[in-house]
Amino acid sequence: MDAFPAFVPLKGRRVIIVGEGWMAEEKAALFVGAPAELVRLLEGPETLAPETYAGAALVFIASINEALALRQADAARAGGAMLINVVDRPAHCDFYTPAIVDRGAVVGAIGTTGQAPGLARKLKAALDANWPEGLAHLAAMIAALKGEARAALPDFDARKVFLESLLEGAAAEAALRGEMDEALKLARAKLQTLSVSGEAEGADPRP
């Protein structure tokens, strides 16, 4: 593995995109609907001022002029930006932008460390075609039931089996359709059945 894949939480974070044209627009499109503060900067003196980048979690430098882009990246680092991507210049990046399949809380990312972006796009298309649009709803259903499952099924193994069972079946299908009330109703019915069964069998709880 030449680069470690990681996910950066966006809620409440500041993301800065410097430059204009297709490269800047491509990066900006990645953050549509994201819970981050997106700041767009055109070419100008402020892009060379370190204080411009204070508090930024992610910075994308999309200036076409390479010398200018590197000066802007230096300013961003001096200003304390957490991670910097100099678009289309892998040698100057703190991270690479992967090909992304976005399903809300469920995100797929494919990277080639900048070596073969066309291959990453091809693999992304295959993944995109096979991931249902409603995956975010499925994840939300499981997240909503974690607390209830912990209370109803104190045994770790039993709780794990229940949560993993929600990945398939009627409740999962309802969630994938976006019918969250129905999905939660079906999942809770299954949880109630397992809870009663566990009590009858005298399950041995553990923290």
N, C-alpha and C. Protein backbone atom coordinates (compact mmCIF):
# COMPACT_ATOMS: atom_id res chain seq x y z
N MET A 1 0.85 -1.19 0.00
CA MET A 1 0.00 0.00 0.00
C MET A 1 0.88 1.24 0.00
N ASP A 2 0.79 2.04 -1.05
CA ASP A 2 1.65 3.22 -1.18
C ASP A 2 1.09 4.45 -0.47
N ALA A 3 -0.20 4.46 -0.19
CA ALA A 3 -0.82 5.59 0.52
C ALA A 3 -1.93 5.05 1.40
N PHE A 4 -2.02 5.58 2.61
CA PHE A 4 -3.04 5.12 3.55
C PHE A 4 -4.35 5.85 3.31
N PRO A 5 -5.45 5.14 3.06
CA PRO A 5 -6.74 5.79 2.86
C PRO A 5 -7.35 6.18 4.20
N ALA A 6 -7.88 7.38 4.29
CA ALA A 6 -8.50 7.86 5.53
C ALA A 6 -9.66 8.78 5.18
N PHE A 7 -10.63 8.91 6.09
CA PHE A 7 -11.77 9.79 5.88
C PHE A 7 -11.70 10.95 6.87
N VAL A 8 -11.80 12.16 6.37
CA VAL A 8 -11.72 13.36 7.19
C VAL A 8 -13.15 13.84 7.49
N PRO A 9 -13.58 13.88 8.75
CA PRO A 9 -14.92 14.40 9.07
C PRO A 9 -15.07 15.84 8.57
N LEU A 10 -16.22 16.16 7.99
CA LEU A 10 -16.43 17.48 7.40
C LEU A 10 -17.31 18.40 8.23
N LYS A 11 -18.07 17.86 9.14
CA LYS A 11 -19.00 18.69 9.90
C LYS A 11 -18.25 19.78 10.68
N GLY A 12 -18.62 21.02 10.41
CA GLY A 12 -18.00 22.14 11.10
C GLY A 12 -16.60 22.48 10.64
N ARG A 13 -16.10 21.81 9.61
CA ARG A 13 -14.75 22.05 9.13
C ARG A 13 -14.75 23.10 8.01
N ARG A 14 -13.60 23.70 7.80
CA ARG A 14 -13.42 24.71 6.76
C ARG A 14 -12.62 24.11 5.60
N VAL A 15 -13.19 24.22 4.40
CA VAL A 15 -12.54 23.71 3.20
C VAL A 15 -12.32 24.89 2.25
N ILE A 16 -11.10 25.05 1.79
CA ILE A 16 -10.77 26.18 0.91
C ILE A 16 -10.35 25.65 -0.46
N ILE A 17 -10.91 26.25 -1.51
CA ILE A 17 -10.53 25.93 -2.88
C ILE A 17 -10.01 27.20 -3.53
N VAL A 18 -8.78 27.14 -4.00
CA VAL A 18 -8.12 28.30 -4.60
C VAL A 18 -8.03 28.10 -6.10
N GLY A 19 -8.46 29.12 -6.85
CA GLY A 19 -8.35 29.06 -8.31
C GLY A 19 -9.69 29.07 -8.99
N GLU A 20 -9.66 29.07 -10.31
CA GLU A 20 -10.89 29.03 -11.10
C GLU A 20 -10.67 28.13 -12.30
N GLY A 21 -11.74 27.84 -13.00
CA GLY A 21 -11.63 26.93 -14.12
C GLY A 21 -12.10 25.54 -13.74
N TRP A 22 -11.92 24.59 -14.66
CA TRP A 22 -12.50 23.26 -14.47
C TRP A 22 -11.92 22.52 -13.27
N MET A 23 -10.65 22.72 -12.98
CA MET A 23 -10.06 22.00 -11.84
C MET A 23 -10.69 22.44 -10.53
N ALA A 24 -10.87 23.73 -10.37
CA ALA A 24 -11.49 24.25 -9.15
C ALA A 24 -12.95 23.82 -9.06
N GLU A 25 -13.66 23.88 -10.19
CA GLU A 25 -15.07 23.51 -10.18
C GLU A 25 -15.25 22.03 -9.87
N GLU A 26 -14.34 21.21 -10.38
CA GLU A 26 -14.41 19.78 -10.11
C GLU A 26 -14.27 19.49 -8.62
N LYS A 27 -13.36 20.18 -7.96
CA LYS A 27 -13.19 19.98 -6.52
C LYS A 27 -14.38 20.52 -5.74
N ALA A 28 -14.89 21.68 -6.15
CA ALA A 28 -16.03 22.27 -5.45
C ALA A 28 -17.25 21.36 -5.51
N ALA A 29 -17.42 20.68 -6.64
CA ALA A 29 -18.57 19.79 -6.81
C ALA A 29 -18.57 18.65 -5.80
N LEU A 30 -17.40 18.28 -5.32
CA LEU A 30 -17.31 17.19 -4.34
C LEU A 30 -17.98 17.54 -3.03
N PHE A 31 -18.13 18.83 -2.74
CA PHE A 31 -18.61 19.26 -1.43
C PHE A 31 -20.05 19.77 -1.45
N VAL A 32 -20.74 19.57 -2.55
CA VAL A 32 -22.15 19.97 -2.62
C VAL A 32 -22.94 19.15 -1.59
N GLY A 33 -23.62 19.83 -0.70
CA GLY A 33 -24.41 19.16 0.32
C GLY A 33 -23.62 18.70 1.53
N ALA A 34 -22.31 18.91 1.54
CA ALA A 34 -21.48 18.49 2.67
C ALA A 34 -21.63 19.49 3.82
N PRO A 35 -21.51 19.02 5.08
CA PRO A 35 -21.68 19.90 6.24
C PRO A 35 -20.42 20.70 6.57
N ALA A 36 -19.72 21.16 5.54
CA ALA A 36 -18.49 21.93 5.74
C ALA A 36 -18.70 23.36 5.29
N GLU A 37 -17.86 24.26 5.79
CA GLU A 37 -17.84 25.64 5.30
C GLU A 37 -16.91 25.67 4.09
N LEU A 38 -17.47 25.89 2.91
CA LEU A 38 -16.69 25.89 1.68
C LEU A 38 -16.33 27.32 1.31
N VAL A 39 -15.04 27.60 1.18
CA VAL A 39 -14.56 28.93 0.83
C VAL A 39 -13.90 28.86 -0.54
N ARG A 40 -14.37 29.71 -1.46
CA ARG A 40 -13.78 29.77 -2.80
C ARG A 40 -12.95 31.04 -2.93
N LEU A 41 -11.71 30.90 -3.37
CA LEU A 41 -10.82 32.05 -3.52
C LEU A 41 -10.32 32.11 -4.96
N LEU A 42 -10.46 33.26 -5.60
CA LEU A 42 -9.89 33.48 -6.92
C LEU A 42 -8.46 33.97 -6.76
N GLU A 43 -7.74 34.06 -7.85
CA GLU A 43 -6.36 34.53 -7.76
C GLU A 43 -6.32 35.94 -7.20
N GLY A 44 -5.40 36.19 -6.30
CA GLY A 44 -5.26 37.51 -5.70
C GLY A 44 -4.30 37.47 -4.55
N PRO A 45 -3.93 38.62 -4.02
CA PRO A 45 -2.94 38.69 -2.93
C PRO A 45 -3.31 37.86 -1.71
N GLU A 46 -4.62 37.74 -1.42
CA GLU A 46 -5.01 37.01 -0.22
C GLU A 46 -4.64 35.53 -0.31
N THR A 47 -4.52 35.00 -1.51
CA THR A 47 -4.17 33.58 -1.64
C THR A 47 -2.72 33.30 -1.28
N LEU A 48 -1.93 34.35 -1.13
CA LEU A 48 -0.52 34.20 -0.74
C LEU A 48 -0.29 34.59 0.71
N ALA A 49 -1.37 34.92 1.42
CA ALA A 49 -1.26 35.32 2.83
C ALA A 49 -1.56 34.13 3.74
N PRO A 50 -0.62 33.73 4.58
CA PRO A 50 -0.83 32.56 5.44
C PRO A 50 -2.11 32.64 6.28
N GLU A 51 -2.45 33.85 6.75
CA GLU A 51 -3.63 33.97 7.62
C GLU A 51 -4.93 33.60 6.90
N THR A 52 -4.92 33.64 5.58
CA THR A 52 -6.10 33.26 4.81
C THR A 52 -6.50 31.81 5.08
N TYR A 53 -5.52 30.98 5.40
CA TYR A 53 -5.75 29.55 5.52
C TYR A 53 -5.88 29.07 6.96
N ALA A 54 -5.90 30.00 7.89
CA ALA A 54 -5.99 29.62 9.30
C ALA A 54 -7.27 28.81 9.56
N GLY A 55 -7.11 27.69 10.23
CA GLY A 55 -8.26 26.87 10.60
C GLY A 55 -8.80 25.98 9.51
N ALA A 56 -8.16 25.94 8.36
CA ALA A 56 -8.67 25.11 7.26
C ALA A 56 -8.30 23.65 7.47
N ALA A 57 -9.28 22.78 7.28
CA ALA A 57 -9.02 21.35 7.36
C ALA A 57 -8.45 20.83 6.05
N LEU A 58 -9.05 21.26 4.95
CA LEU A 58 -8.61 20.85 3.63
C LEU A 58 -8.42 22.08 2.75
N VAL A 59 -7.34 22.08 1.97
CA VAL A 59 -7.10 23.15 1.01
C VAL A 59 -6.78 22.52 -0.34
N PHE A 60 -7.49 22.96 -1.36
CA PHE A 60 -7.22 22.52 -2.73
C PHE A 60 -6.67 23.71 -3.51
N ILE A 61 -5.45 23.60 -3.98
CA ILE A 61 -4.83 24.65 -4.78
C ILE A 61 -5.00 24.26 -6.25
N ALA A 62 -5.88 24.98 -6.95
CA ALA A 62 -6.21 24.62 -8.34
C ALA A 62 -5.75 25.68 -9.33
N SER A 63 -4.74 26.44 -8.97
CA SER A 63 -4.20 27.45 -9.88
C SER A 63 -3.47 26.76 -11.03
N ILE A 64 -3.67 27.28 -12.24
CA ILE A 64 -3.05 26.67 -13.42
C ILE A 64 -1.54 26.93 -13.44
N ASN A 65 -1.13 28.12 -13.02
CA ASN A 65 0.29 28.47 -13.00
C ASN A 65 0.99 27.71 -11.88
N GLU A 66 1.95 26.86 -12.24
CA GLU A 66 2.57 25.99 -11.23
C GLU A 66 3.35 26.77 -10.19
N ALA A 67 4.11 27.77 -10.61
CA ALA A 67 4.89 28.54 -9.65
C ALA A 67 3.98 29.22 -8.64
N LEU A 68 2.88 29.77 -9.12
CA LEU A 68 1.92 30.42 -8.23
C LEU A 68 1.27 29.40 -7.30
N ALA A 69 0.92 28.26 -7.85
CA ALA A 69 0.28 27.21 -7.05
C ALA A 69 1.18 26.77 -5.90
N LEU A 70 2.47 26.64 -6.16
CA LEU A 70 3.38 26.21 -5.11
C LEU A 70 3.56 27.28 -4.03
N ARG A 71 3.54 28.55 -4.44
CA ARG A 71 3.61 29.64 -3.46
C ARG A 71 2.34 29.65 -2.59
N GLN A 72 1.20 29.39 -3.21
CA GLN A 72 -0.06 29.33 -2.45
C GLN A 72 -0.04 28.16 -1.48
N ALA A 73 0.49 27.03 -1.92
CA ALA A 73 0.58 25.87 -1.03
C ALA A 73 1.50 26.17 0.15
N ASP A 74 2.60 26.85 -0.10
CA ASP A 74 3.51 27.24 0.99
C ASP A 74 2.79 28.16 1.98
N ALA A 75 1.98 29.07 1.46
CA ALA A 75 1.24 29.99 2.34
C ALA A 75 0.23 29.21 3.18
N ALA A 76 -0.42 28.23 2.57
CA ALA A 76 -1.40 27.43 3.30
C ALA A 76 -0.73 26.64 4.42
N ARG A 77 0.44 26.10 4.14
CA ARG A 77 1.16 25.36 5.19
C ARG A 77 1.61 26.30 6.30
N ALA A 78 2.08 27.47 5.92
CA ALA A 78 2.50 28.45 6.92
C ALA A 78 1.33 28.90 7.78
N GLY A 79 0.14 28.91 7.18
CA GLY A 79 -1.06 29.33 7.92
C GLY A 79 -1.66 28.25 8.78
N GLY A 80 -1.11 27.04 8.72
CA GLY A 80 -1.57 25.97 9.59
C GLY A 80 -2.66 25.10 9.03
N ALA A 81 -2.89 25.15 7.71
CA ALA A 81 -3.90 24.27 7.11
C ALA A 81 -3.53 22.81 7.38
N MET A 82 -4.54 22.00 7.63
CA MET A 82 -4.28 20.62 8.04
C MET A 82 -3.76 19.77 6.88
N LEU A 83 -4.46 19.76 5.76
CA LEU A 83 -4.08 18.94 4.61
C LEU A 83 -4.22 19.76 3.33
N ILE A 84 -3.23 19.64 2.45
CA ILE A 84 -3.21 20.46 1.24
C ILE A 84 -3.06 19.57 0.01
N ASN A 85 -3.90 19.85 -0.97
CA ASN A 85 -3.83 19.15 -2.25
C ASN A 85 -3.54 20.17 -3.34
N VAL A 86 -2.41 20.01 -4.02
CA VAL A 86 -2.08 20.87 -5.15
C VAL A 86 -2.53 20.10 -6.39
N VAL A 87 -3.64 20.53 -6.95
CA VAL A 87 -4.34 19.75 -7.97
C VAL A 87 -3.44 19.43 -9.16
N ASP A 88 -3.44 18.16 -9.52
CA ASP A 88 -2.70 17.65 -10.68
C ASP A 88 -1.18 17.74 -10.50
N ARG A 89 -0.73 17.89 -9.25
CA ARG A 89 0.71 17.93 -8.97
C ARG A 89 0.98 17.04 -7.74
N PRO A 90 0.92 15.72 -7.94
CA PRO A 90 1.00 14.77 -6.82
C PRO A 90 2.21 14.96 -5.91
N ALA A 91 3.34 15.36 -6.47
CA ALA A 91 4.56 15.47 -5.67
C ALA A 91 4.46 16.54 -4.59
N HIS A 92 3.51 17.45 -4.72
CA HIS A 92 3.38 18.55 -3.77
C HIS A 92 2.13 18.42 -2.89
N CYS A 93 1.53 17.24 -2.90
CA CYS A 93 0.28 17.03 -2.15
C CYS A 93 0.52 16.36 -0.80
N ASP A 94 -0.27 16.77 0.20
CA ASP A 94 -0.32 16.05 1.46
C ASP A 94 -1.26 14.86 1.37
N PHE A 95 -2.20 14.92 0.42
CA PHE A 95 -3.15 13.83 0.20
C PHE A 95 -3.57 13.86 -1.26
N TYR A 96 -4.07 12.72 -1.73
CA TYR A 96 -4.58 12.62 -3.08
C TYR A 96 -6.11 12.59 -3.04
N THR A 97 -6.74 13.18 -4.04
CA THR A 97 -8.20 13.14 -4.12
C THR A 97 -8.62 11.85 -4.83
N PRO A 98 -9.36 10.98 -4.16
CA PRO A 98 -9.76 9.73 -4.80
C PRO A 98 -10.95 9.94 -5.72
N ALA A 99 -11.25 8.93 -6.51
CA ALA A 99 -12.53 8.88 -7.22
C ALA A 99 -13.58 8.45 -6.21
N ILE A 100 -14.64 9.22 -6.07
CA ILE A 100 -15.56 9.05 -4.95
C ILE A 100 -16.95 8.60 -5.40
N VAL A 101 -17.48 7.63 -4.69
CA VAL A 101 -18.89 7.24 -4.83
C VAL A 101 -19.58 7.71 -3.55
N ASP A 102 -20.49 8.66 -3.69
CA ASP A 102 -21.10 9.33 -2.54
C ASP A 102 -22.51 8.83 -2.29
N ARG A 103 -22.70 8.19 -1.15
CA ARG A 103 -24.03 7.78 -0.70
C ARG A 103 -24.27 8.33 0.71
N GLY A 104 -23.94 9.59 0.90
CA GLY A 104 -24.14 10.21 2.20
C GLY A 104 -23.15 9.69 3.22
N ALA A 105 -23.66 9.00 4.26
CA ALA A 105 -22.78 8.46 5.29
C ALA A 105 -21.92 7.33 4.76
N VAL A 106 -22.33 6.74 3.65
CA VAL A 106 -21.58 5.64 3.05
C VAL A 106 -20.81 6.20 1.86
N VAL A 107 -19.48 6.12 1.93
CA VAL A 107 -18.63 6.72 0.89
C VAL A 107 -17.62 5.68 0.42
N GLY A 108 -17.53 5.54 -0.89
CA GLY A 108 -16.51 4.68 -1.47
C GLY A 108 -15.44 5.55 -2.12
N ALA A 109 -14.18 5.24 -1.90
CA ALA A 109 -13.09 6.05 -2.45
C ALA A 109 -12.05 5.14 -3.09
N ILE A 110 -11.68 5.45 -4.33
CA ILE A 110 -10.70 4.66 -5.06
C ILE A 110 -9.55 5.56 -5.47
N GLY A 111 -8.34 5.18 -5.10
CA GLY A 111 -7.19 6.00 -5.41
C GLY A 111 -6.09 5.21 -6.09
N THR A 112 -5.29 5.90 -6.87
CA THR A 112 -4.13 5.28 -7.52
C THR A 112 -2.88 6.11 -7.23
N THR A 113 -2.89 6.85 -6.12
CA THR A 113 -1.80 7.76 -5.72
C THR A 113 -1.40 8.70 -6.85
N GLY A 114 -2.40 9.08 -7.63
CA GLY A 114 -2.16 10.04 -8.71
C GLY A 114 -1.53 9.45 -9.96
N GLN A 115 -1.30 8.14 -9.96
CA GLN A 115 -0.61 7.53 -11.09
C GLN A 115 -1.51 7.23 -12.28
N ALA A 116 -2.75 6.84 -12.02
CA ALA A 116 -3.64 6.45 -13.11
C ALA A 116 -5.07 6.89 -12.82
N PRO A 117 -5.35 8.20 -12.90
CA PRO A 117 -6.69 8.69 -12.58
C PRO A 117 -7.78 8.09 -13.47
N GLY A 118 -7.44 7.77 -14.71
CA GLY A 118 -8.42 7.14 -15.59
C GLY A 118 -8.87 5.78 -15.07
N LEU A 119 -7.93 5.01 -14.53
CA LEU A 119 -8.26 3.72 -13.94
C LEU A 119 -9.16 3.91 -12.73
N ALA A 120 -8.86 4.91 -11.91
CA ALA A 120 -9.69 5.18 -10.73
C ALA A 120 -11.12 5.52 -11.15
N ARG A 121 -11.26 6.31 -12.21
CA ARG A 121 -12.60 6.67 -12.69
C ARG A 121 -13.35 5.44 -13.20
N LYS A 122 -12.64 4.55 -13.88
CA LYS A 122 -13.28 3.33 -14.38
C LYS A 122 -13.77 2.45 -13.23
N LEU A 123 -12.94 2.28 -12.22
CA LEU A 123 -13.34 1.48 -11.07
C LEU A 123 -14.48 2.14 -10.30
N LYS A 124 -14.45 3.47 -10.23
CA LYS A 124 -15.54 4.19 -9.58
C LYS A 124 -16.86 3.94 -10.28
N ALA A 125 -16.85 3.97 -11.61
CA ALA A 125 -18.08 3.75 -12.37
C ALA A 125 -18.67 2.37 -12.08
N ALA A 126 -17.79 1.36 -11.96
CA ALA A 126 -18.27 0.01 -11.65
C ALA A 126 -18.88 -0.04 -10.26
N LEU A 127 -18.25 0.62 -9.30
CA LEU A 127 -18.76 0.66 -7.93
C LEU A 127 -20.07 1.42 -7.87
N ASP A 128 -20.13 2.54 -8.56
CA ASP A 128 -21.32 3.38 -8.57
C ASP A 128 -22.52 2.61 -9.10
N ALA A 129 -22.29 1.79 -10.10
CA ALA A 129 -23.38 1.04 -10.73
C ALA A 129 -23.92 -0.05 -9.82
N ASN A 130 -23.13 -0.48 -8.86
CA ASN A 130 -23.54 -1.60 -8.00
C ASN A 130 -23.96 -1.19 -6.59
N TRP A 131 -23.81 0.07 -6.26
CA TRP A 131 -24.22 0.54 -4.94
C TRP A 131 -25.60 1.18 -5.02
N PRO A 132 -26.59 0.67 -4.29
CA PRO A 132 -27.93 1.27 -4.30
C PRO A 132 -27.90 2.71 -3.80
N GLU A 133 -28.79 3.53 -4.35
CA GLU A 133 -28.86 4.93 -3.93
C GLU A 133 -29.26 5.07 -2.47
N GLY A 134 -29.99 4.09 -1.95
CA GLY A 134 -30.52 4.21 -0.58
C GLY A 134 -29.59 3.72 0.51
N LEU A 135 -28.31 3.55 0.22
CA LEU A 135 -27.40 3.04 1.25
C LEU A 135 -27.32 3.94 2.48
N ALA A 136 -27.45 5.25 2.26
CA ALA A 136 -27.41 6.17 3.41
C ALA A 136 -28.57 5.91 4.35
N HIS A 137 -29.73 5.56 3.80
CA HIS A 137 -30.89 5.24 4.65
C HIS A 137 -30.63 3.96 5.44
N LEU A 138 -30.02 2.98 4.79
CA LEU A 138 -29.71 1.73 5.49
C LEU A 138 -28.75 1.99 6.65
N ALA A 139 -27.73 2.79 6.40
CA ALA A 139 -26.78 3.12 7.47
C ALA A 139 -27.48 3.88 8.60
N ALA A 140 -28.39 4.79 8.24
CA ALA A 140 -29.10 5.57 9.26
C ALA A 140 -29.99 4.67 10.11
N MET A 141 -30.62 3.68 9.49
CA MET A 141 -31.46 2.76 10.26
C MET A 141 -30.63 1.99 11.28
N ILE A 142 -29.50 1.48 10.86
CA ILE A 142 -28.64 0.71 11.78
C ILE A 142 -28.13 1.61 12.91
N ALA A 143 -27.73 2.83 12.56
CA ALA A 143 -27.24 3.76 13.58
C ALA A 143 -28.34 4.07 14.60
N ALA A 144 -29.57 4.22 14.12
CA ALA A 144 -30.69 4.56 15.00
C ALA A 144 -31.00 3.45 16.00
N LEU A 145 -30.65 2.22 15.66
CA LEU A 145 -31.02 1.09 16.50
C LEU A 145 -29.89 0.61 17.42
N LYS A 146 -28.71 1.20 17.29
CA LYS A 146 -27.58 0.72 18.09
C LYS A 146 -27.84 0.83 19.59
N GLY A 147 -28.38 1.97 20.02
CA GLY A 147 -28.65 2.15 21.44
C GLY A 147 -29.71 1.18 21.94
N GLU A 148 -30.77 1.01 21.16
CA GLU A 148 -31.84 0.08 21.54
C GLU A 148 -31.32 -1.35 21.58
N ALA A 149 -30.47 -1.69 20.63
CA ALA A 149 -29.91 -3.04 20.60
C ALA A 149 -29.02 -3.29 21.81
N ARG A 150 -28.27 -2.27 22.23
CA ARG A 150 -27.39 -2.43 23.39
C ARG A 150 -28.21 -2.70 24.65
N ALA A 151 -29.36 -2.03 24.75
CA ALA A 151 -30.21 -2.22 25.93
C ALA A 151 -30.93 -3.56 25.90
N ALA A 152 -31.39 -3.96 24.72
CA ALA A 152 -32.18 -5.18 24.61
C ALA A 152 -31.33 -6.44 24.55
N LEU A 153 -30.11 -6.30 24.01
CA LEU A 153 -29.22 -7.46 23.85
C LEU A 153 -27.87 -7.15 24.51
N PRO A 154 -27.76 -7.29 25.82
CA PRO A 154 -26.50 -6.98 26.50
C PRO A 154 -25.33 -7.83 26.02
N ASP A 155 -25.61 -9.03 25.55
CA ASP A 155 -24.55 -9.90 25.07
C ASP A 155 -23.98 -9.37 23.76
N PHE A 156 -22.68 -9.15 23.71
CA PHE A 156 -22.04 -8.54 22.55
C PHE A 156 -22.25 -9.34 21.27
N ASP A 157 -22.06 -10.65 21.36
CA ASP A 157 -22.19 -11.48 20.16
C ASP A 157 -23.61 -11.47 19.62
N ALA A 158 -24.60 -11.52 20.51
CA ALA A 158 -25.99 -11.49 20.08
C ALA A 158 -26.32 -10.16 19.42
N ARG A 159 -25.79 -9.08 20.00
CA ARG A 159 -26.03 -7.75 19.44
C ARG A 159 -25.38 -7.62 18.06
N LYS A 160 -24.17 -8.14 17.91
CA LYS A 160 -23.48 -8.08 16.62
C LYS A 160 -24.25 -8.84 15.56
N VAL A 161 -24.75 -10.02 15.91
CA VAL A 161 -25.53 -10.82 14.96
C VAL A 161 -26.78 -10.06 14.53
N PHE A 162 -27.44 -9.42 15.48
CA PHE A 162 -28.66 -8.67 15.14
C PHE A 162 -28.36 -7.52 14.19
N LEU A 163 -27.35 -6.71 14.52
CA LEU A 163 -27.04 -5.55 13.69
C LEU A 163 -26.61 -5.96 12.29
N GLU A 164 -25.86 -7.04 12.19
CA GLU A 164 -25.44 -7.50 10.87
C GLU A 164 -26.61 -8.10 10.10
N SER A 165 -27.60 -8.63 10.80
CA SER A 165 -28.78 -9.19 10.13
C SER A 165 -29.60 -8.10 9.45
N LEU A 166 -29.44 -6.86 9.89
CA LEU A 166 -30.19 -5.75 9.31
C LEU A 166 -29.69 -5.37 7.93
N LEU A 167 -28.56 -5.93 7.52
CA LEU A 167 -28.02 -5.61 6.20
C LEU A 167 -28.83 -6.26 5.08
N GLU A 168 -29.65 -7.25 5.44
CA GLU A 168 -30.48 -7.94 4.45
C GLU A 168 -31.87 -8.13 5.04
N GLY A 169 -32.81 -8.50 4.20
CA GLY A 169 -34.15 -8.77 4.67
C GLY A 169 -35.12 -7.62 4.45
N ALA A 170 -36.31 -7.78 5.01
CA ALA A 170 -37.40 -6.83 4.75
C ALA A 170 -37.07 -5.43 5.27
N ALA A 171 -36.47 -5.35 6.45
CA ALA A 171 -36.14 -4.03 7.01
C ALA A 171 -35.12 -3.32 6.13
N ALA A 172 -34.12 -4.03 5.67
CA ALA A 172 -33.10 -3.44 4.80
C ALA A 172 -33.71 -2.98 3.48
N GLU A 173 -34.59 -3.78 2.92
CA GLU A 173 -35.22 -3.41 1.65
C GLU A 173 -36.06 -2.15 1.79
N ALA A 174 -36.77 -2.05 2.91
CA ALA A 174 -37.58 -0.84 3.16
C ALA A 174 -36.68 0.38 3.30
N ALA A 175 -35.58 0.23 4.02
CA ALA A 175 -34.65 1.35 4.20
C ALA A 175 -34.07 1.78 2.86
N LEU A 176 -33.69 0.85 2.04
CA LEU A 176 -33.11 1.17 0.74
C LEU A 176 -34.11 1.91 -0.15
N ARG A 177 -35.40 1.67 0.08
CA ARG A 177 -36.44 2.40 -0.67
C ARG A 177 -36.72 3.77 -0.06
N GLY A 178 -36.10 4.04 1.09
CA GLY A 178 -36.34 5.31 1.76
C GLY A 178 -37.53 5.30 2.69
N GLU A 179 -38.11 4.12 2.94
CA GLU A 179 -39.28 4.00 3.81
C GLU A 179 -38.80 3.74 5.24
N MET A 180 -38.32 4.79 5.87
CA MET A 180 -37.64 4.63 7.15
C MET A 180 -38.56 4.21 8.28
N ASP A 181 -39.79 4.71 8.31
CA ASP A 181 -40.72 4.31 9.38
C ASP A 181 -40.98 2.81 9.32
N GLU A 182 -41.20 2.31 8.11
CA GLU A 182 -41.45 0.87 7.94
C GLU A 182 -40.20 0.07 8.28
N ALA A 183 -39.05 0.56 7.85
CA ALA A 183 -37.80 -0.14 8.12
C ALA A 183 -37.56 -0.27 9.63
N LEU A 184 -37.75 0.82 10.35
CA LEU A 184 -37.53 0.80 11.80
C LEU A 184 -38.55 -0.09 12.50
N LYS A 185 -39.78 -0.08 12.01
CA LYS A 185 -40.82 -0.93 12.59
C LYS A 185 -40.44 -2.40 12.47
N LEU A 186 -40.00 -2.80 11.27
CA LEU A 186 -39.62 -4.20 11.03
C LEU A 186 -38.38 -4.58 11.85
N ALA A 187 -37.41 -3.68 11.91
CA ALA A 187 -36.19 -3.97 12.65
C ALA A 187 -36.46 -4.09 14.14
N ARG A 188 -37.32 -3.22 14.66
CA ARG A 188 -37.64 -3.28 16.08
C ARG A 188 -38.41 -4.54 16.43
N ALA A 189 -39.25 -5.00 15.51
CA ALA A 189 -39.97 -6.25 15.74
C ALA A 189 -38.98 -7.41 15.83
N LYS A 190 -37.98 -7.41 14.96
CA LYS A 190 -36.95 -8.45 15.01
C LYS A 190 -36.16 -8.37 16.31
N LEU A 191 -35.85 -7.16 16.73
CA LEU A 191 -35.10 -6.97 17.97
C LEU A 191 -35.91 -7.47 19.17
N GLN A 192 -37.20 -7.18 19.18
CA GLN A 192 -38.06 -7.63 20.28
C GLN A 192 -38.09 -9.15 20.35
N THR A 193 -38.17 -9.79 19.18
CA THR A 193 -38.19 -11.25 19.14
C THR A 193 -36.89 -11.83 19.69
N LEU A 194 -35.77 -11.27 19.29
CA LEU A 194 -34.47 -11.75 19.76
C LEU A 194 -34.29 -11.50 21.25
N SER A 195 -34.79 -10.36 21.72
CA SER A 195 -34.66 -10.02 23.13
C SER A 195 -35.43 -11.00 24.01
N VAL A 196 -36.66 -11.29 23.61
CA VAL A 196 -37.49 -12.24 24.36
C VAL A 196 -36.87 -13.62 24.33
N SER A 197 -36.35 -14.01 23.16
CA SER A 197 -35.71 -15.32 23.02
C SER A 197 -34.48 -15.41 23.92
N GLY A 198 -33.68 -14.35 23.97
CA GLY A 198 -32.49 -14.34 24.79
C GLY A 198 -32.80 -14.45 26.26
N GLU A 199 -33.87 -13.77 26.70
CA GLU A 199 -34.26 -13.85 28.09
C GLU A 199 -34.72 -15.25 28.46
N ALA A 200 -35.43 -15.88 27.51
CA ALA A 200 -35.92 -17.23 27.77
C ALA A 200 -34.77 -18.22 27.88
N GLU A 201 -33.71 -17.97 27.11
CA GLU A 201 -32.58 -18.91 27.13
C GLU A 201 -31.56 -18.56 28.21
N GLY A 202 -31.80 -17.43 28.92
CA GLY A 202 -30.87 -17.06 29.98
C GLY A 202 -29.53 -16.61 29.44
N ALA A 203 -29.56 -15.72 28.48
CA ALA A 203 -28.29 -15.23 27.87
C ALA A 203 -27.39 -14.65 28.93
N ASP A 204 -26.10 -14.90 28.81
CA ASP A 204 -25.12 -14.42 29.77
C ASP A 204 -24.61 -13.04 29.31
N PRO A 205 -25.10 -11.95 29.92
CA PRO A 205 -24.69 -10.61 29.46
C PRO A 205 -23.26 -10.27 29.83
N ARG A 206 -22.63 -9.43 29.01
CA ARG A 206 -21.30 -8.89 29.31
C ARG A 206 -21.24 -7.47 28.79
N PRO A 207 -20.44 -6.62 29.36
CA PRO A 207 -20.42 -5.21 28.98
C PRO A 207 -19.93 -5.02 27.55
